[in-house]
Amino acid sequence: MSRSAHGNQSRQRAVDLADAFGRAGKTLVRALDERLGDHGVSTPRSKVLFEVNRCGPVRLTDLARTIGITQGTASTLIDALVREGLIERSPDDSDRRVTLLKTTTAGRAQAEAWATAYTAAAEELFSILSSKEQLVMTDMLHRLADSVTD
């Protein structure tokens, strides 16, 4: 095979992979949203609520970095969760300029219910793959994400 033909095949594989990845990602996110819709909070807001519950009290900047979203997006999601009474803001005793986020009692209950539903949905959606395939795919996706963010 000529060097040019090999280069074309390599480019086409990369395009095919990007297309398959995009399709799978959108399809899986939509399927997760559908399965989690019964819990009254959208998947993005649920993820934020879950992470505040897991990490809290936490700063907005740290939360956004942990989830992989912009501070602006995190702020918008937090505002909605505060209005719903699921998250509260409190001052940081060590730095008066900083606001910390933590879940309310209702927020903790919602976060736990969402985590249970999320786990069940993930198990269902990924059951098509063997345990080994799930581990390999998880590793590959982490490597891909790390290569883009580093």
C-alpha atoms as a PDB file:
ATOM      1  CA  MET A   1       0.000   0.000   0.000  1.00  0.00           C
ATOM      2  CA  SER A   2       1.352   3.405  -0.921  1.00  0.00           C
ATOM      3  CA  ARG A   3       2.131   5.988   1.731  1.00  0.00           C
ATOM      4  CA  SER A   4      -0.591   8.244   0.317  1.00  0.00           C
ATOM      5  CA  ALA A   5      -3.236   5.498   0.463  1.00  0.00           C
ATOM      6  CA  HIS A   6      -2.234   4.680   4.053  1.00  0.00           C
ATOM      7  CA  GLY A   7      -2.554   8.367   4.982  1.00  0.00           C
ATOM      8  CA  ASN A   8      -6.011   8.534   3.406  1.00  0.00           C
ATOM      9  CA  GLN A   9      -7.126   5.413   5.298  1.00  0.00           C
ATOM     10  CA  SER A  10      -5.819   6.860   8.544  1.00  0.00           C
ATOM     11  CA  ARG A  11      -7.690  10.138   7.966  1.00  0.00           C
ATOM     12  CA  GLN A  12     -10.879   8.273   7.091  1.00  0.00           C
ATOM     13  CA  ARG A  13     -10.595   6.118  10.250  1.00  0.00           C
ATOM     14  CA  ALA A  14     -10.240   9.279  12.333  1.00  0.00           C
ATOM     15  CA  VAL A  15     -13.308  10.824  10.658  1.00  0.00           C
ATOM     16  CA  ASP A  16     -15.320   7.603  11.099  1.00  0.00           C
ATOM     17  CA  LEU A  17     -14.309   7.448  14.772  1.00  0.00           C
ATOM     18  CA  ALA A  18     -15.234  11.096  15.368  1.00  0.00           C
ATOM     19  CA  ASP A  19     -18.622  10.546  13.707  1.00  0.00           C
ATOM     20  CA  ALA A  20     -19.321   7.360  15.695  1.00  0.00           C
ATOM     21  CA  PHE A  21     -18.208   9.016  18.934  1.00  0.00           C
ATOM     22  CA  GLY A  22     -20.455  12.036  18.337  1.00  0.00           C
ATOM     23  CA  ARG A  23     -23.457   9.883  17.470  1.00  0.00           C
ATOM     24  CA  ALA A  24     -22.949   7.570  20.449  1.00  0.00           C
ATOM     25  CA  GLY A  25     -22.426  10.497  22.821  1.00  0.00           C
ATOM     26  CA  LYS A  26     -25.591  12.289  21.733  1.00  0.00           C
ATOM     27  CA  THR A  27     -27.631   9.090  21.749  1.00  0.00           C
ATOM     28  CA  LEU A  28     -26.433   8.061  25.211  1.00  0.00           C
ATOM     29  CA  VAL A  29     -26.972  11.527  26.713  1.00  0.00           C
ATOM     30  CA  ARG A  30     -30.505  11.597  25.293  1.00  0.00           C
ATOM     31  CA  ALA A  31     -31.189   8.098  26.665  1.00  0.00           C
ATOM     32  CA  LEU A  32     -29.876   9.081  30.105  1.00  0.00           C
ATOM     33  CA  ASP A  33     -32.014  12.238  30.077  1.00  0.00           C
ATOM     34  CA  GLU A  34     -35.106  10.190  29.195  1.00  0.00           C
ATOM     35  CA  ARG A  35     -34.472   7.667  31.967  1.00  0.00           C
ATOM     36  CA  LEU A  36     -33.746  10.377  34.540  1.00  0.00           C
ATOM     37  CA  GLY A  37     -36.636  12.651  33.550  1.00  0.00           C
ATOM     38  CA  ASP A  38     -38.832  11.160  36.259  1.00  0.00           C
ATOM     39  CA  HIS A  39     -36.640  12.751  38.915  1.00  0.00           C
ATOM     40  CA  GLY A  40     -37.746  16.295  38.160  1.00  0.00           C
ATOM     41  CA  VAL A  41     -34.275  17.762  37.615  1.00  0.00           C
ATOM     42  CA  SER A  42     -32.431  17.874  34.299  1.00  0.00           C
ATOM     43  CA  THR A  43     -29.292  15.776  33.928  1.00  0.00           C
ATOM     44  CA  PRO A  44     -26.931  18.803  33.923  1.00  0.00           C
ATOM     45  CA  ARG A  45     -28.513  20.243  37.074  1.00  0.00           C
ATOM     46  CA  SER A  46     -28.562  16.798  38.671  1.00  0.00           C
ATOM     47  CA  LYS A  47     -24.851  16.343  37.962  1.00  0.00           C
ATOM     48  CA  VAL A  48     -24.110  19.722  39.568  1.00  0.00           C
ATOM     49  CA  LEU A  49     -26.296  18.872  42.560  1.00  0.00           C
ATOM     50  CA  PHE A  50     -24.621  15.472  42.926  1.00  0.00           C
ATOM     51  CA  GLU A  51     -21.126  17.001  42.820  1.00  0.00           C
ATOM     52  CA  VAL A  52     -21.992  19.735  45.345  1.00  0.00           C
ATOM     53  CA  ASN A  53     -23.356  17.023  47.620  1.00  0.00           C
ATOM     54  CA  ARG A  54     -20.240  14.886  47.119  1.00  0.00           C
ATOM     55  CA  CYS A  55     -17.642  17.689  47.411  1.00  0.00           C
ATOM     56  CA  GLY A  56     -19.428  20.353  49.453  1.00  0.00           C
ATOM     57  CA  PRO A  57     -19.006  22.816  50.767  1.00  0.00           C
ATOM     58  CA  VAL A  58     -17.306  23.742  47.516  1.00  0.00           C
ATOM     59  CA  ARG A  59     -16.353  26.882  45.589  1.00  0.00           C
ATOM     60  CA  LEU A  60     -18.022  27.501  42.231  1.00  0.00           C
ATOM     61  CA  THR A  61     -14.666  27.527  40.417  1.00  0.00           C
ATOM     62  CA  ASP A  62     -13.699  24.148  41.875  1.00  0.00           C
ATOM     63  CA  LEU A  63     -17.121  22.702  41.077  1.00  0.00           C
ATOM     64  CA  ALA A  64     -16.974  23.848  37.446  1.00  0.00           C
ATOM     65  CA  ARG A  65     -13.490  22.365  37.024  1.00  0.00           C
ATOM     66  CA  THR A  66     -14.546  19.038  38.598  1.00  0.00           C
ATOM     67  CA  ILE A  67     -17.540  18.691  36.274  1.00  0.00           C
ATOM     68  CA  GLY A  68     -15.778  20.072  33.210  1.00  0.00           C
ATOM     69  CA  ILE A  69     -18.076  23.021  32.525  1.00  0.00           C
ATOM     70  CA  THR A  70     -17.506  26.760  32.385  1.00  0.00           C
ATOM     71  CA  GLN A  71     -18.006  28.915  35.456  1.00  0.00           C
ATOM     72  CA  GLY A  72     -20.820  30.730  33.650  1.00  0.00           C
ATOM     73  CA  THR A  73     -22.680  27.491  32.983  1.00  0.00           C
ATOM     74  CA  ALA A  74     -22.093  26.331  36.553  1.00  0.00           C
ATOM     75  CA  SER A  75     -23.354  29.652  37.898  1.00  0.00           C
ATOM     76  CA  THR A  76     -26.555  29.431  35.846  1.00  0.00           C
ATOM     77  CA  LEU A  77     -27.194  25.867  37.026  1.00  0.00           C
ATOM     78  CA  ILE A  78     -26.441  26.795  40.649  1.00  0.00           C
ATOM     79  CA  ASP A  79     -28.825  29.763  40.503  1.00  0.00           C
ATOM     80  CA  ALA A  80     -31.651  27.440  39.437  1.00  0.00           C
ATOM     81  CA  LEU A  81     -30.816  24.920  42.175  1.00  0.00           C
ATOM     82  CA  VAL A  82     -30.736  27.698  44.791  1.00  0.00           C
ATOM     83  CA  ARG A  83     -34.188  28.902  43.635  1.00  0.00           C
ATOM     84  CA  GLU A  84     -35.453  25.320  43.968  1.00  0.00           C
ATOM     85  CA  GLY A  85     -34.116  25.124  47.524  1.00  0.00           C
ATOM     86  CA  LEU A  86     -31.679  22.305  46.742  1.00  0.00           C
ATOM     87  CA  ILE A  87     -28.418  24.237  47.195  1.00  0.00           C
ATOM     88  CA  GLU A  88     -27.510  27.099  49.475  1.00  0.00           C
ATOM     89  CA  ARG A  89     -24.685  29.599  49.413  1.00  0.00           C
ATOM     90  CA  SER A  90     -22.653  30.463  52.498  1.00  0.00           C
ATOM     91  CA  PRO A  91     -19.617  32.673  53.106  1.00  0.00           C
ATOM     92  CA  ASP A  92     -16.180  31.106  53.467  1.00  0.00           C
ATOM     93  CA  ASP A  93     -14.907  31.895  56.953  1.00  0.00           C
ATOM     94  CA  SER A  94     -11.302  31.945  55.718  1.00  0.00           C
ATOM     95  CA  ASP A  95     -11.941  34.330  52.773  1.00  0.00           C
ATOM     96  CA  ARG A  96     -14.918  36.710  52.861  1.00  0.00           C
ATOM     97  CA  ARG A  97     -14.755  37.169  49.060  1.00  0.00           C
ATOM     98  CA  VAL A  98     -15.518  33.474  48.494  1.00  0.00           C
ATOM     99  CA  THR A  99     -18.937  31.862  48.542  1.00  0.00           C
ATOM    100  CA  LEU A 100     -19.261  28.167  49.287  1.00  0.00           C
ATOM    101  CA  LEU A 101     -22.001  25.914  47.936  1.00  0.00           C
ATOM    102  CA  LYS A 102     -23.618  23.097  49.866  1.00  0.00           C
ATOM    103  CA  THR A 103     -26.737  21.006  49.515  1.00  0.00           C
ATOM    104  CA  THR A 104     -29.791  21.517  51.652  1.00  0.00           C
ATOM    105  CA  THR A 105     -31.579  18.589  53.269  1.00  0.00           C
ATOM    106  CA  ALA A 106     -33.887  18.424  50.237  1.00  0.00           C
ATOM    107  CA  GLY A 107     -30.852  18.718  47.956  1.00  0.00           C
ATOM    108  CA  ARG A 108     -29.095  15.795  49.619  1.00  0.00           C
ATOM    109  CA  ALA A 109     -32.188  13.620  49.207  1.00  0.00           C
ATOM    110  CA  GLN A 110     -32.531  14.674  45.541  1.00  0.00           C
ATOM    111  CA  ALA A 111     -28.817  14.037  44.888  1.00  0.00           C
ATOM    112  CA  GLU A 112     -29.019  10.558  46.381  1.00  0.00           C
ATOM    113  CA  ALA A 113     -32.161   9.689  44.405  1.00  0.00           C
ATOM    114  CA  TRP A 114     -30.554  10.960  41.207  1.00  0.00           C
ATOM    115  CA  ALA A 115     -27.339   8.999  41.853  1.00  0.00           C
ATOM    116  CA  THR A 116     -29.332   5.798  42.303  1.00  0.00           C
ATOM    117  CA  ALA A 117     -31.306   6.408  39.106  1.00  0.00           C
ATOM    118  CA  TYR A 118     -28.155   7.424  37.200  1.00  0.00           C
ATOM    119  CA  THR A 119     -26.385   4.238  38.248  1.00  0.00           C
ATOM    120  CA  ALA A 120     -29.338   2.095  37.168  1.00  0.00           C
ATOM    121  CA  ALA A 121     -29.561   3.892  33.808  1.00  0.00           C
ATOM    122  CA  ALA A 122     -25.809   3.564  33.212  1.00  0.00           C
ATOM    123  CA  GLU A 123     -25.895  -0.148  34.030  1.00  0.00           C
ATOM    124  CA  GLU A 124     -28.775  -0.629  31.607  1.00  0.00           C
ATOM    125  CA  LEU A 125     -27.271   1.405  28.771  1.00  0.00           C
ATOM    126  CA  PHE A 126     -23.800  -0.132  29.001  1.00  0.00           C
ATOM    127  CA  SER A 127     -24.923  -3.717  29.623  1.00  0.00           C
ATOM    128  CA  ILE A 128     -24.353  -4.408  25.918  1.00  0.00           C
ATOM    129  CA  LEU A 129     -20.607  -4.308  26.697  1.00  0.00           C
ATOM    130  CA  SER A 130     -18.722  -6.894  28.735  1.00  0.00           C
ATOM    131  CA  SER A 131     -17.053  -5.807  31.975  1.00  0.00           C
ATOM    132  CA  LYS A 132     -13.678  -5.861  30.229  1.00  0.00           C
ATOM    133  CA  GLU A 133     -14.991  -3.761  27.322  1.00  0.00           C
ATOM    134  CA  GLN A 134     -16.426  -1.236  29.795  1.00  0.00           C
ATOM    135  CA  LEU A 135     -13.039  -0.943  31.541  1.00  0.00           C
ATOM    136  CA  VAL A 136     -11.152  -0.568  28.257  1.00  0.00           C
ATOM    137  CA  MET A 137     -13.632   2.018  26.944  1.00  0.00           C
ATOM    138  CA  THR A 138     -13.509   3.979  30.191  1.00  0.00           C
ATOM    139  CA  ASP A 139      -9.709   4.059  30.021  1.00  0.00           C
ATOM    140  CA  MET A 140      -9.732   5.139  26.368  1.00  0.00           C
ATOM    141  CA  LEU A 141     -12.255   7.921  27.015  1.00  0.00           C
ATOM    142  CA  HIS A 142     -10.217   9.227  29.961  1.00  0.00           C
ATOM    143  CA  ARG A 143      -7.081   9.218  27.792  1.00  0.00           C
ATOM    144  CA  LEU A 144      -8.878  11.096  25.042  1.00  0.00           C
ATOM    145  CA  ALA A 145     -10.299  13.694  27.431  1.00  0.00           C
ATOM    146  CA  ASP A 146      -6.950  14.140  29.183  1.00  0.00           C
ATOM    147  CA  SER A 147      -5.135  14.598  25.876  1.00  0.00           C
ATOM    148  CA  VAL A 148      -7.430  17.468  24.916  1.00  0.00           C
ATOM    149  CA  THR A 149      -7.482  19.239  28.295  1.00  0.00           C
ATOM    150  CA  ASP A 150      -3.729  19.006  29.027  1.00  0.00           C
END
